[in-house]
Amino acid sequence: MKGLIQGHACSSSPYSSSSSTFLRPPCLTSTSRNCKFPLQLPQAMCSSQRIYRCAGVHMEACHNSFLSKNHIVARFSWGLSETQSLFSKQSLSKHLLPLGALVTSQTQFDVSNVPIVDEDKIGVLLLNLGGPETLDDVQPFLFNLFADPDIIRLPRLFRFLQKPLAQFISVLRAPKSKEGYASIGGGSPLRQITDAQAEELMKFLREKNVPAKVYVGMRYWHPFTEEAIEQIKRDRITKLVVLPLYPQFSISTSGSSLRLLESIFREDEYLVNMQHTVIPSWYQREGYIKAMAKLIENELKKFGSPEEVMIFFSAHGVPLAYVEEAGDPYKAEMEECVDLIMEELEKRKITNGYTLAYQSRVGPVEWLKPYTDETIIELGQKGVKSLLAVPISFVSEHIETLEEIDVEYKELALKSGIEKWGRVPALGCEPTFISDLADAVIESLPYVGAMAVSNLEARQSLVPLGSVEELLAAYDSQRRELPPPVTMWEWGWTKSAETWNGRAAMLAVLVLLVLEVTTGEGFLHQWGILPLFW
């Protein structure tokens, strides 16, 4: 789709139902370093102009001669050239913002005085991964995780094997996973922390004169997204802001949750008619960046020589193919996020060395590099003696922070020659962070439902997701036949061999599963795995 989408006069009401009046929701696009405002604004007369580009959208931001000097409006140009994919590896960097694009909560309106219609019932839906609360929950939780096609991608021909394969993997991994959860108290604290975050967010919203109700919807465990949606319907919410608790967008996290939510909305008449919008990522927000910097600063003070500490950002990894072949912006957003935090630390006179690595990889395929475990070993070999781990992609404590970082990586670091180890806690209910999330919700309220002009259009998508929708569409269009990451078959421990050996192993598993399903006999039936599922 090519051409220019632009709004009408600035006098248009932000609650208008006309799709031609508004652009994408304010939180769906990042801004440049000097652009501190929501971008979904009507067109106006311009006295001066600046051109920005982000997430495949050309923005012509201009100062409105009729408004105060702090107001900015925007026009958007959508579309892809016929020869260049928006999310190709070569073009992705062109569509991302310059590093240091910090978004503040100082918008063109006072967030404490947002006009709220009395009869409106405002809701905020927090989306998160979920986690097993008891050891008995571990295997069914893993099944839900691996049954997600955004976690394990199968060719269309083998999609019917998604759930049998998930059952097989979850049964095999459950014993080791139970050991990990047992070491942190017998279950994940993620639900309790997310519930506490929801309560604090609701308090901050009410303090800012927005009497909203906050709901929690988990992707793979209770309370499931479907359960949260049912409560939203019972409460007769009329305006909903969807807020994934993942700072950076990824196909496998926010993308999976939004895809599920979209399918739920499409099938429900009440939801179709409810006004709603989505905040897909918020890693560049000022409150989040400052809260992270403050936590790092506090932990550095606990070292004898704070200036000698290496700051070690450890993010949850994703398969490399998601980024290089499917166009996932996760890696670029993560790198920008780290740079923004380090810029904030420099303002606090903290100039420590730092690095970024990726943890929690599983399976034979290649994941984002550098890997956390390998990087820790390399730092020890280079003589680093003090290391401060920062769980950059997590806002809540869970298995990856409490067991993987605090136990496994700490032990590895001490064995590798690192003498002093520290770890920055997850944000949890840190006031600056939660307050800024409340501001993000409030800033999006004038644009909630502005794009949903008819049931027909609403059924086509949860909301006009802008760059998120384009991203998921690009992913879907390429997942049918992803280009091979290597062209030669090799054996051994090379990158090529790792990929091809993994494919061979997966093919063998698929063949065995096909035989199990078609014949009704085999070791899975003997073990009682498939009958449990069927």
Protein backbone atom coordinates (compact mmCIF):
# COMPACT_ATOMS: atom_id res chain seq x y z
CA MET A 1 0.00 0.00 0.00
CA LYS A 2 1.49 3.31 -1.07
CA GLY A 3 0.51 6.89 -0.69
CA LEU A 4 0.05 9.46 2.00
CA ILE A 5 -2.33 9.11 4.93
CA GLN A 6 -3.02 12.43 6.54
CA GLY A 7 -5.51 13.83 8.98
CA HIS A 8 -8.01 16.63 8.82
CA ALA A 9 -7.99 19.89 10.73
CA CYS A 10 -6.66 20.09 14.25
CA SER A 11 -10.08 21.03 15.52
CA SER A 12 -11.24 17.46 15.03
CA SER A 13 -12.17 15.72 18.24
CA PRO A 14 -9.69 13.08 19.34
CA TYR A 15 -12.61 10.77 20.01
CA SER A 16 -13.95 10.97 16.46
CA SER A 17 -14.83 7.64 14.88
CA SER A 18 -13.65 8.63 11.42
CA SER A 19 -10.62 6.63 10.36
CA SER A 20 -9.50 9.38 7.99
CA THR A 21 -9.18 11.81 10.86
CA PHE A 22 -6.44 9.97 12.69
CA LEU A 23 -3.22 8.17 12.08
CA ARG A 24 -1.84 5.26 14.03
CA PRO A 25 -2.13 5.20 17.82
CA PRO A 26 0.51 7.30 19.56
CA CYS A 27 2.41 4.46 21.16
CA LEU A 28 2.81 2.42 17.99
CA THR A 29 5.71 4.42 16.64
CA SER A 30 8.91 5.57 18.21
CA THR A 31 10.01 9.18 18.03
CA SER A 32 13.22 10.99 17.32
CA ARG A 33 15.38 12.45 20.07
CA ASN A 34 13.56 15.79 19.93
CA CYS A 35 10.09 14.43 19.44
CA LYS A 36 8.46 13.90 22.84
CA PHE A 37 4.84 13.54 21.88
CA PRO A 38 2.30 11.00 20.71
CA LEU A 39 2.39 10.86 16.93
CA GLN A 40 -1.24 10.13 16.12
CA LEU A 41 -2.37 13.69 15.61
CA PRO A 42 -4.48 15.46 12.99
CA GLN A 43 -2.87 17.50 10.27
CA ALA A 44 -2.40 21.23 10.73
CA MET A 45 -0.90 24.26 9.08
CA CYS A 46 2.88 24.14 9.47
CA SER A 47 5.28 26.97 9.99
CA SER A 48 8.37 24.77 10.10
CA GLN A 49 9.04 21.17 9.25
CA ARG A 50 11.25 18.28 10.19
CA ILE A 51 11.36 14.90 8.53
CA TYR A 52 11.65 11.77 10.67
CA ARG A 53 11.65 8.13 9.71
CA CYS A 54 10.78 5.25 11.98
CA ALA A 55 9.50 1.70 11.62
CA GLY A 56 8.94 2.07 7.89
CA VAL A 57 6.88 5.24 8.25
CA HIS A 58 7.87 8.62 6.86
CA MET A 59 6.80 11.32 9.27
CA GLU A 60 6.62 14.97 8.46
CA ALA A 61 6.45 16.67 11.84
CA CYS A 62 5.65 20.32 11.86
CA HIS A 63 5.09 23.08 14.34
CA ASN A 64 1.52 24.28 14.21
CA SER A 65 1.29 28.01 13.76
CA PHE A 66 -2.11 28.00 15.48
CA LEU A 67 -1.02 25.99 18.50
CA SER A 68 1.56 26.56 21.17
CA LYS A 69 5.19 26.01 20.24
CA ASN A 70 5.22 22.66 22.06
CA HIS A 71 2.58 21.09 19.81
CA ILE A 72 3.60 18.86 16.96
CA VAL A 73 1.46 17.21 14.34
CA ALA A 74 2.42 14.50 11.91
CA ARG A 75 1.76 13.08 8.49
CA PHE A 76 2.60 9.51 7.59
CA SER A 77 3.61 7.88 4.33
CA TRP A 78 2.99 4.16 4.26
CA GLY A 79 4.14 1.46 1.92
CA LEU A 80 7.04 -0.61 0.64
CA SER A 81 8.94 -0.37 -2.58
CA GLU A 82 8.54 -3.27 -4.94
CA THR A 83 12.20 -4.20 -4.65
CA GLN A 84 12.84 -3.69 -0.95
CA SER A 85 11.27 -5.51 1.99
CA LEU A 86 10.53 -3.30 4.97
CA PHE A 87 11.96 -5.82 7.37
CA SER A 88 14.86 -7.16 5.33
CA LYS A 89 18.22 -7.29 7.03
CA GLN A 90 19.59 -4.64 4.70
CA SER A 91 16.77 -2.16 5.22
CA LEU A 92 15.82 -2.69 8.86
CA SER A 93 18.36 -0.24 10.19
CA LYS A 94 17.06 2.47 7.85
CA HIS A 95 13.61 2.29 9.39
CA LEU A 96 14.73 2.37 12.98
CA LEU A 97 15.27 5.50 14.98
CA PRO A 98 18.68 6.96 15.72
CA LEU A 99 20.15 5.64 18.94
CA GLY A 100 19.25 7.78 21.88
CA ALA A 101 15.65 8.40 20.83
CA LEU A 102 14.34 8.97 24.34
CA VAL A 103 10.60 9.43 24.72
CA THR A 104 9.48 11.45 27.71
CA SER A 105 6.10 11.62 29.36
CA GLN A 106 5.86 15.37 28.72
CA THR A 107 3.18 15.38 26.08
CA GLN A 108 1.29 18.21 24.41
CA PHE A 109 -1.34 17.97 27.12
CA ASP A 110 -1.17 17.75 30.88
CA VAL A 111 -1.67 14.06 31.67
CA SER A 112 -3.31 14.94 34.97
CA ASN A 113 -6.08 16.80 33.17
CA VAL A 114 -7.03 14.40 30.39
CA PRO A 115 -10.74 14.78 29.61
CA ILE A 116 -12.48 11.54 30.56
CA VAL A 117 -16.15 11.12 29.68
CA ASP A 118 -18.09 10.17 32.82
CA GLU A 119 -19.84 7.19 31.27
CA ASP A 120 -16.61 5.71 29.91
CA LYS A 121 -15.27 2.67 31.71
CA ILE A 122 -11.54 2.57 31.10
CA GLY A 123 -9.54 -0.64 31.31
CA VAL A 124 -5.86 -1.50 30.96
CA LEU A 125 -4.88 -5.03 29.98
CA LEU A 126 -1.36 -6.05 31.02
CA LEU A 127 -0.01 -8.93 28.93
CA ASN A 128 2.75 -11.18 30.23
CA LEU A 129 4.25 -14.61 29.71
CA GLY A 130 2.97 -16.37 32.81
CA GLY A 131 4.68 -19.08 34.82
CA PRO A 132 3.90 -22.27 36.76
CA GLU A 133 2.90 -21.54 40.34
CA THR A 134 3.54 -25.09 41.60
CA LEU A 135 5.74 -27.95 40.45
CA ASP A 136 2.64 -29.76 39.17
CA ASP A 137 2.02 -26.82 36.84
CA VAL A 138 5.42 -27.10 35.13
CA GLN A 139 4.63 -29.70 32.47
CA PRO A 140 1.27 -28.23 31.36
CA PHE A 141 2.86 -24.77 31.33
CA LEU A 142 5.63 -26.04 29.06
CA PHE A 143 3.04 -27.68 26.81
CA ASN A 144 1.22 -24.35 26.40
CA LEU A 145 4.54 -22.67 25.64
CA PHE A 146 5.70 -25.10 22.97
CA ALA A 147 2.23 -25.41 21.44
CA ASP A 148 2.51 -21.75 20.40
CA PRO A 149 3.45 -21.57 16.68
CA ASP A 150 5.37 -18.37 17.40
CA ILE A 151 7.67 -20.37 19.71
CA ILE A 152 8.13 -23.52 17.61
CA ARG A 153 7.64 -22.93 13.92
CA LEU A 154 6.61 -25.90 11.82
CA PRO A 155 6.11 -25.98 8.04
CA ARG A 156 2.45 -25.77 7.05
CA LEU A 157 2.50 -29.41 5.98
CA PHE A 158 3.30 -30.44 9.56
CA ARG A 159 1.14 -27.95 11.49
CA PHE A 160 -1.13 -30.77 12.68
CA LEU A 161 1.84 -32.05 14.70
CA GLN A 162 2.21 -28.83 16.71
CA LYS A 163 0.43 -30.13 19.82
CA PRO A 164 1.83 -33.69 19.76
CA LEU A 165 5.31 -32.22 19.42
CA ALA A 166 4.62 -29.78 22.26
CA GLN A 167 3.46 -32.69 24.43
CA PHE A 168 6.61 -34.64 23.61
CA ILE A 169 8.99 -31.76 24.36
CA SER A 170 7.20 -30.68 27.52
CA VAL A 171 7.36 -34.19 28.98
CA LEU A 172 11.08 -34.45 28.20
CA ARG A 173 11.93 -31.01 29.63
CA ALA A 174 9.66 -31.11 32.67
CA PRO A 175 12.05 -32.91 35.07
CA LYS A 176 14.91 -30.44 34.54
CA SER A 177 12.53 -27.48 34.64
CA LYS A 178 11.03 -28.73 37.91
CA GLU A 179 14.50 -28.75 39.44
CA GLY A 180 14.93 -25.11 38.49
CA TYR A 181 11.56 -24.04 39.89
CA ALA A 182 12.16 -26.07 43.05
CA SER A 183 15.36 -24.13 43.62
CA ILE A 184 13.47 -20.82 43.65
CA GLY A 185 10.71 -21.91 45.99
CA GLY A 186 8.62 -24.37 44.01
CA GLY A 187 7.09 -22.05 41.43
CA SER A 188 7.36 -18.80 39.54
CA PRO A 189 6.66 -15.52 41.36
CA LEU A 190 5.67 -13.89 38.07
CA ARG A 191 1.93 -13.85 38.72
CA GLN A 192 2.24 -12.30 42.18
CA ILE A 193 4.61 -9.62 40.90
CA THR A 194 2.44 -8.85 37.87
CA ASP A 195 -0.64 -8.60 40.08
CA ALA A 196 1.25 -6.17 42.33
CA GLN A 197 2.29 -4.13 39.29
CA ALA A 198 -1.35 -4.01 38.19
CA GLU A 199 -2.41 -2.73 41.62
CA GLU A 200 0.28 -0.05 41.65
CA LEU A 201 -0.54 1.01 38.10
CA MET A 202 -4.19 1.39 39.05
CA LYS A 203 -3.19 3.56 42.05
CA PHE A 204 -1.00 5.83 39.91
CA LEU A 205 -3.75 6.17 37.30
CA ARG A 206 -6.27 7.20 39.96
CA GLU A 207 -3.80 9.70 41.39
CA LYS A 208 -3.61 11.15 37.88
CA ASN A 209 -7.43 11.43 37.76
CA VAL A 210 -7.96 8.39 35.55
CA PRO A 211 -10.19 5.86 37.36
CA ALA A 212 -9.16 2.85 35.28
CA LYS A 213 -9.32 -0.84 36.13
CA VAL A 214 -6.21 -2.90 35.39
CA TYR A 215 -6.37 -6.54 34.31
CA VAL A 216 -3.68 -9.20 33.92
CA GLY A 217 -3.68 -11.66 31.02
CA MET A 218 -0.96 -14.33 30.78
CA ARG A 219 -0.05 -16.08 27.55
CA TYR A 220 0.78 -19.55 28.85
CA TRP A 221 -0.67 -19.85 32.36
CA HIS A 222 -3.37 -18.53 34.66
CA PRO A 223 -4.87 -16.01 34.52
CA PHE A 224 -4.95 -16.63 30.77
CA THR A 225 -5.64 -13.78 28.36
CA GLU A 226 -9.06 -15.31 27.72
CA GLU A 227 -9.87 -15.13 31.44
CA ALA A 228 -8.88 -11.46 31.60
CA ILE A 229 -11.02 -10.68 28.55
CA GLU A 230 -14.05 -12.34 30.13
CA GLN A 231 -13.63 -10.16 33.23
CA ILE A 232 -13.29 -7.08 31.04
CA LYS A 233 -16.59 -7.96 29.38
CA ARG A 234 -18.29 -8.55 32.72
CA ASP A 235 -17.11 -5.13 33.91
CA ARG A 236 -18.52 -3.56 30.70
CA ILE A 237 -15.28 -1.75 29.85
CA THR A 238 -15.79 0.70 26.99
CA LYS A 239 -12.19 1.91 26.40
CA LEU A 240 -9.26 -0.51 26.63
CA VAL A 241 -5.51 0.10 26.45
CA VAL A 242 -3.49 -3.07 25.82
CA LEU A 243 -0.04 -2.90 27.42
CA PRO A 244 2.37 -5.87 27.01
CA LEU A 245 4.88 -5.96 29.87
CA TYR A 246 7.76 -6.56 27.46
CA PRO A 247 9.81 -3.35 27.05
CA GLN A 248 11.08 -4.39 23.60
CA PHE A 249 8.88 -5.87 20.89
CA SER A 250 9.51 -9.41 19.66
CA ILE A 251 7.51 -11.77 17.51
CA SER A 252 7.78 -14.43 20.19
CA THR A 253 6.59 -12.27 23.11
CA SER A 254 4.46 -9.21 22.38
CA GLY A 255 3.76 -10.48 18.87
CA SER A 256 2.43 -13.81 20.10
CA SER A 257 0.24 -12.17 22.75
CA LEU A 258 -1.17 -9.65 20.27
CA ARG A 259 -1.83 -12.34 17.68
CA LEU A 260 -3.86 -14.29 20.24
CA LEU A 261 -5.69 -11.16 21.34
CA GLU A 262 -6.51 -10.30 17.76
CA SER A 263 -8.11 -13.71 17.21
CA ILE A 264 -10.18 -13.31 20.40
CA PHE A 265 -11.42 -9.87 19.37
CA ARG A 266 -12.31 -10.98 15.86
CA GLU A 267 -14.72 -13.62 17.14
CA ASP A 268 -16.51 -11.54 19.79
CA GLU A 269 -19.19 -8.97 18.97
CA TYR A 270 -18.73 -7.04 22.22
CA LEU A 271 -14.98 -6.75 21.74
CA VAL A 272 -15.35 -5.71 18.11
CA ASN A 273 -17.36 -2.70 19.19
CA MET A 274 -15.18 -1.79 22.15
CA GLN A 275 -12.71 1.06 21.61
CA HIS A 276 -9.14 -0.06 22.12
CA THR A 277 -5.50 0.53 21.25
CA VAL A 278 -2.15 -1.16 21.84
CA ILE A 279 1.21 -0.03 23.21
CA PRO A 280 3.50 -2.66 21.63
CA SER A 281 6.83 -1.46 23.10
CA TRP A 282 8.04 1.26 25.45
CA TYR A 283 11.76 0.64 25.98
CA GLN A 284 12.59 4.23 25.04
CA ARG A 285 10.37 5.92 27.61
CA GLU A 286 12.07 8.29 30.01
CA GLY A 287 10.64 6.74 33.18
CA TYR A 288 11.78 3.24 32.23
CA ILE A 289 15.28 4.42 31.27
CA LYS A 290 15.73 6.46 34.45
CA ALA A 291 14.41 3.66 36.66
CA MET A 292 16.86 1.19 35.11
CA ALA A 293 19.75 3.64 35.46
CA LYS A 294 18.88 4.27 39.11
CA LEU A 295 18.85 0.54 39.93
CA ILE A 296 22.24 0.11 38.23
CA GLU A 297 23.66 3.10 40.09
CA ASN A 298 22.47 1.68 43.42
CA GLU A 299 24.08 -1.72 42.79
CA LEU A 300 27.38 -0.22 41.63
CA LYS A 301 27.73 1.50 45.01
CA LYS A 302 27.86 -1.93 46.67
CA PHE A 303 31.22 -2.71 45.02
CA GLY A 304 34.47 -1.65 46.63
CA SER A 305 35.65 0.00 43.40
CA PRO A 306 32.48 0.87 41.45
CA GLU A 307 34.37 2.41 38.53
CA GLU A 308 36.07 -0.93 37.77
CA VAL A 309 32.83 -2.90 37.43
CA MET A 310 31.79 -4.20 34.01
CA ILE A 311 28.06 -3.65 33.41
CA PHE A 312 26.72 -6.83 31.85
CA PHE A 313 23.32 -6.50 30.15
CA SER A 314 21.76 -9.95 29.71
CA ALA A 315 18.64 -10.12 27.54
CA HIS A 316 16.43 -13.09 26.76
CA GLY A 317 17.44 -14.44 23.37
CA VAL A 318 15.39 -15.26 20.27
CA PRO A 319 16.31 -17.48 17.31
CA LEU A 320 18.53 -15.65 14.85
CA ALA A 321 16.12 -16.44 12.00
CA TYR A 322 13.46 -14.29 13.69
CA VAL A 323 15.69 -11.24 13.24
CA GLU A 324 17.51 -11.95 9.98
CA GLU A 325 14.72 -13.64 8.05
CA ALA A 326 11.44 -12.66 9.71
CA GLY A 327 12.35 -9.04 10.47
CA ASP A 328 11.93 -9.10 14.24
CA PRO A 329 13.06 -5.66 15.55
CA TYR A 330 13.95 -7.12 18.96
CA LYS A 331 17.74 -6.98 18.55
CA ALA A 332 17.74 -3.39 17.26
CA GLU A 333 15.39 -2.23 20.01
CA MET A 334 17.48 -3.99 22.63
CA GLU A 335 20.69 -2.36 21.45
CA GLU A 336 19.05 1.05 21.37
CA CYS A 337 17.65 0.49 24.85
CA VAL A 338 21.10 -0.32 26.24
CA ASP A 339 22.56 2.80 24.63
CA LEU A 340 19.81 4.95 26.15
CA ILE A 341 20.49 3.55 29.61
CA MET A 342 24.22 4.15 29.25
CA GLU A 343 23.55 7.72 28.11
CA GLU A 344 21.48 8.25 31.26
CA LEU A 345 24.29 6.77 33.38
CA GLU A 346 26.79 9.13 31.76
CA LYS A 347 24.61 12.03 32.91
CA ARG A 348 25.11 10.61 36.41
CA LYS A 349 28.91 10.58 35.90
CA ILE A 350 28.99 6.79 35.47
CA THR A 351 31.21 5.75 32.56
CA ASN A 352 31.81 2.05 33.22
CA GLY A 353 32.46 -0.40 30.45
CA TYR A 354 29.46 -2.45 29.38
CA THR A 355 28.40 -5.26 27.09
CA LEU A 356 25.21 -6.96 25.91
CA ALA A 357 24.61 -10.69 25.54
CA TYR A 358 21.62 -13.02 25.15
CA GLN A 359 20.57 -15.87 27.45
CA SER A 360 18.10 -18.76 27.65
CA ARG A 361 18.66 -20.34 24.24
CA VAL A 362 17.20 -23.79 23.62
CA GLY A 363 17.33 -26.27 20.77
CA PRO A 364 19.87 -26.85 17.99
CA VAL A 365 19.23 -23.70 15.94
CA GLU A 366 21.35 -20.56 16.19
CA TRP A 367 20.12 -17.80 18.51
CA LEU A 368 21.11 -14.18 18.86
CA LYS A 369 24.75 -13.77 19.77
CA PRO A 370 26.84 -13.21 21.78
CA TYR A 371 25.58 -15.82 24.23
CA THR A 372 25.59 -14.88 27.90
CA ASP A 373 27.48 -17.95 29.13
CA GLU A 374 30.20 -17.67 26.47
CA THR A 375 30.59 -13.94 27.10
CA ILE A 376 31.03 -14.45 30.84
CA ILE A 377 33.85 -16.92 30.18
CA GLU A 378 35.51 -14.51 27.72
CA LEU A 379 35.31 -11.62 30.20
CA GLY A 380 36.97 -13.76 32.86
CA GLN A 381 39.75 -14.67 30.43
CA LYS A 382 40.28 -10.99 29.65
CA GLY A 383 40.85 -10.20 33.30
CA VAL A 384 37.52 -8.69 34.31
CA LYS A 385 37.23 -9.07 38.09
CA SER A 386 33.93 -7.34 38.89
CA LEU A 387 30.70 -7.94 36.99
CA LEU A 388 27.22 -6.46 37.47
CA ALA A 389 24.50 -8.42 35.67
CA VAL A 390 21.50 -6.42 34.42
CA PRO A 391 18.39 -8.41 33.31
CA ILE A 392 17.48 -5.90 30.62
CA SER A 393 14.45 -7.63 29.04
CA PHE A 394 12.68 -8.53 32.28
CA VAL A 395 10.53 -6.26 34.46
CA SER A 396 9.68 -9.04 36.95
CA GLU A 397 11.70 -11.66 38.78
CA HIS A 398 11.21 -15.18 37.48
CA ILE A 399 13.11 -18.35 36.59
CA GLU A 400 15.50 -16.60 34.17
CA THR A 401 16.64 -14.10 36.81
CA LEU A 402 16.36 -16.08 40.06
CA GLU A 403 17.83 -19.35 38.82
CA GLU A 404 19.57 -18.84 35.50
CA ILE A 405 21.33 -15.57 36.34
CA ASP A 406 21.61 -15.73 40.12
CA VAL A 407 22.71 -19.37 40.28
CA GLU A 408 24.02 -20.70 36.96
CA TYR A 409 25.69 -17.58 35.59
CA LYS A 410 27.06 -16.49 38.97
CA GLU A 411 28.68 -19.89 39.44
CA LEU A 412 30.08 -19.75 35.91
CA ALA A 413 31.46 -16.25 36.50
CA LEU A 414 33.27 -17.26 39.71
CA LYS A 415 34.76 -20.30 37.95
CA SER A 416 35.89 -18.07 35.08
CA GLY A 417 38.02 -15.81 37.28
CA ILE A 418 35.49 -13.09 38.07
CA GLU A 419 35.87 -12.37 41.78
CA LYS A 420 32.99 -9.99 42.53
CA TRP A 421 29.47 -10.54 41.24
CA GLY A 422 26.35 -8.42 41.51
CA ARG A 423 22.93 -8.40 39.95
CA VAL A 424 20.48 -5.55 39.38
CA PRO A 425 16.96 -6.50 40.52
CA ALA A 426 14.09 -6.48 38.05
CA LEU A 427 12.01 -3.31 38.09
CA GLY A 428 8.97 -4.82 39.76
CA CYS A 429 6.92 -2.00 41.30
CA GLU A 430 9.64 0.67 41.19
CA PRO A 431 7.64 3.96 41.46
CA THR A 432 9.32 5.88 38.62
CA PHE A 433 8.73 2.95 36.28
CA ILE A 434 5.08 2.38 37.22
CA SER A 435 4.30 6.11 37.14
CA ASP A 436 5.69 6.34 33.62
CA LEU A 437 3.62 3.35 32.52
CA ALA A 438 0.58 5.22 33.84
CA ASP A 439 1.59 8.23 31.76
CA ALA A 440 1.93 5.99 28.69
CA VAL A 441 -1.62 4.75 29.23
CA ILE A 442 -2.98 8.27 29.72
CA GLU A 443 -1.19 9.57 26.64
CA SER A 444 -2.90 6.92 24.52
CA LEU A 445 -6.43 7.58 25.80
CA PRO A 446 -7.36 10.39 23.36
CA TYR A 447 -6.61 7.98 20.52
CA VAL A 448 -8.37 4.87 21.83
CA GLY A 449 -10.76 3.62 19.18
CA ALA A 450 -10.07 6.51 16.83
CA MET A 451 -9.24 4.13 13.99
CA ALA A 452 -12.03 1.58 14.46
CA VAL A 453 -14.70 3.07 12.18
CA SER A 454 -16.77 0.00 11.44
CA ASN A 455 -17.30 -3.56 12.53
CA LEU A 456 -15.93 -4.73 9.21
CA GLU A 457 -12.64 -2.90 9.66
CA ALA A 458 -12.45 -3.83 13.33
CA ARG A 459 -12.82 -7.51 12.47
CA GLN A 460 -9.82 -7.33 10.19
CA SER A 461 -7.46 -6.50 13.05
CA LEU A 462 -7.46 -5.86 16.77
CA VAL A 463 -6.45 -2.27 16.03
CA PRO A 464 -4.60 -0.70 13.13
CA LEU A 465 -1.35 -1.91 14.61
CA GLY A 466 0.82 0.10 12.25
CA SER A 467 4.38 -1.18 12.29
CA VAL A 468 3.38 -4.13 14.48
CA GLU A 469 0.78 -5.27 11.98
CA GLU A 470 3.25 -4.89 9.13
CA LEU A 471 5.85 -6.80 11.10
CA LEU A 472 3.53 -9.73 11.79
CA ALA A 473 2.39 -9.70 8.16
CA ALA A 474 5.99 -9.80 6.95
CA TYR A 475 6.71 -12.65 9.34
CA ASP A 476 3.66 -14.62 8.17
CA SER A 477 4.50 -14.13 4.53
CA GLN A 478 8.01 -15.54 5.00
CA ARG A 479 7.42 -18.29 7.56
CA ARG A 480 6.05 -20.62 4.88
CA GLU A 481 9.46 -21.00 3.26
CA LEU A 482 12.23 -19.23 5.12
CA PRO A 483 15.44 -18.86 3.09
CA PRO A 484 18.19 -21.21 4.34
CA PRO A 485 20.73 -19.42 6.56
CA VAL A 486 23.56 -21.54 5.09
CA THR A 487 24.23 -23.01 1.67
CA MET A 488 26.66 -25.83 2.44
CA TRP A 489 26.21 -29.06 4.38
CA GLU A 490 28.91 -29.54 7.00
CA TRP A 491 29.50 -31.91 9.88
CA GLY A 492 31.09 -31.06 13.18
CA TRP A 493 30.55 -28.04 15.43
CA THR A 494 30.49 -25.34 12.77
CA LYS A 495 27.63 -22.86 12.41
CA SER A 496 26.45 -24.62 9.26
CA ALA A 497 26.63 -28.05 10.84
CA GLU A 498 24.70 -26.91 13.89
CA THR A 499 21.86 -25.70 11.68
CA TRP A 500 21.71 -28.71 9.35
CA ASN A 501 22.12 -31.26 12.15
CA GLY A 502 19.28 -29.56 13.99
CA ARG A 503 17.10 -29.75 10.89
CA ALA A 504 17.93 -33.41 10.44
CA ALA A 505 17.02 -34.12 14.07
CA MET A 506 13.74 -32.21 13.72
CA LEU A 507 12.90 -34.10 10.53
CA ALA A 508 13.52 -37.39 12.29
CA VAL A 509 11.25 -36.37 15.16
CA LEU A 510 8.53 -35.36 12.72
CA VAL A 511 8.76 -38.67 10.88
CA LEU A 512 8.44 -40.57 14.17
CA LEU A 513 5.44 -38.47 15.18
CA VAL A 514 3.74 -39.07 11.82
CA LEU A 515 4.19 -42.81 12.27
CA GLU A 516 2.83 -42.59 15.81
CA VAL A 517 -0.25 -40.67 14.72
CA THR A 518 -1.00 -42.77 11.63
CA THR A 519 -0.33 -46.24 13.10
CA GLY A 520 -1.38 -45.70 16.71
CA GLU A 521 1.73 -47.57 17.84
CA GLY A 522 5.20 -46.58 19.00
CA PHE A 523 7.16 -45.51 22.05
CA LEU A 524 5.00 -42.42 22.69
CA HIS A 525 1.92 -44.64 22.98
CA GLN A 526 3.85 -47.12 25.09
CA TRP A 527 4.88 -44.31 27.45
CA GLY A 528 1.29 -43.06 27.59
CA ILE A 529 2.13 -39.60 26.21
CA LEU A 530 -0.13 -39.43 23.16
CA PRO A 531 -3.17 -41.01 24.87
CA LEU A 532 -2.89 -38.31 27.52
CA PHE A 533 -3.19 -35.71 24.80
CA TRP A 534 -5.80 -37.35 22.60
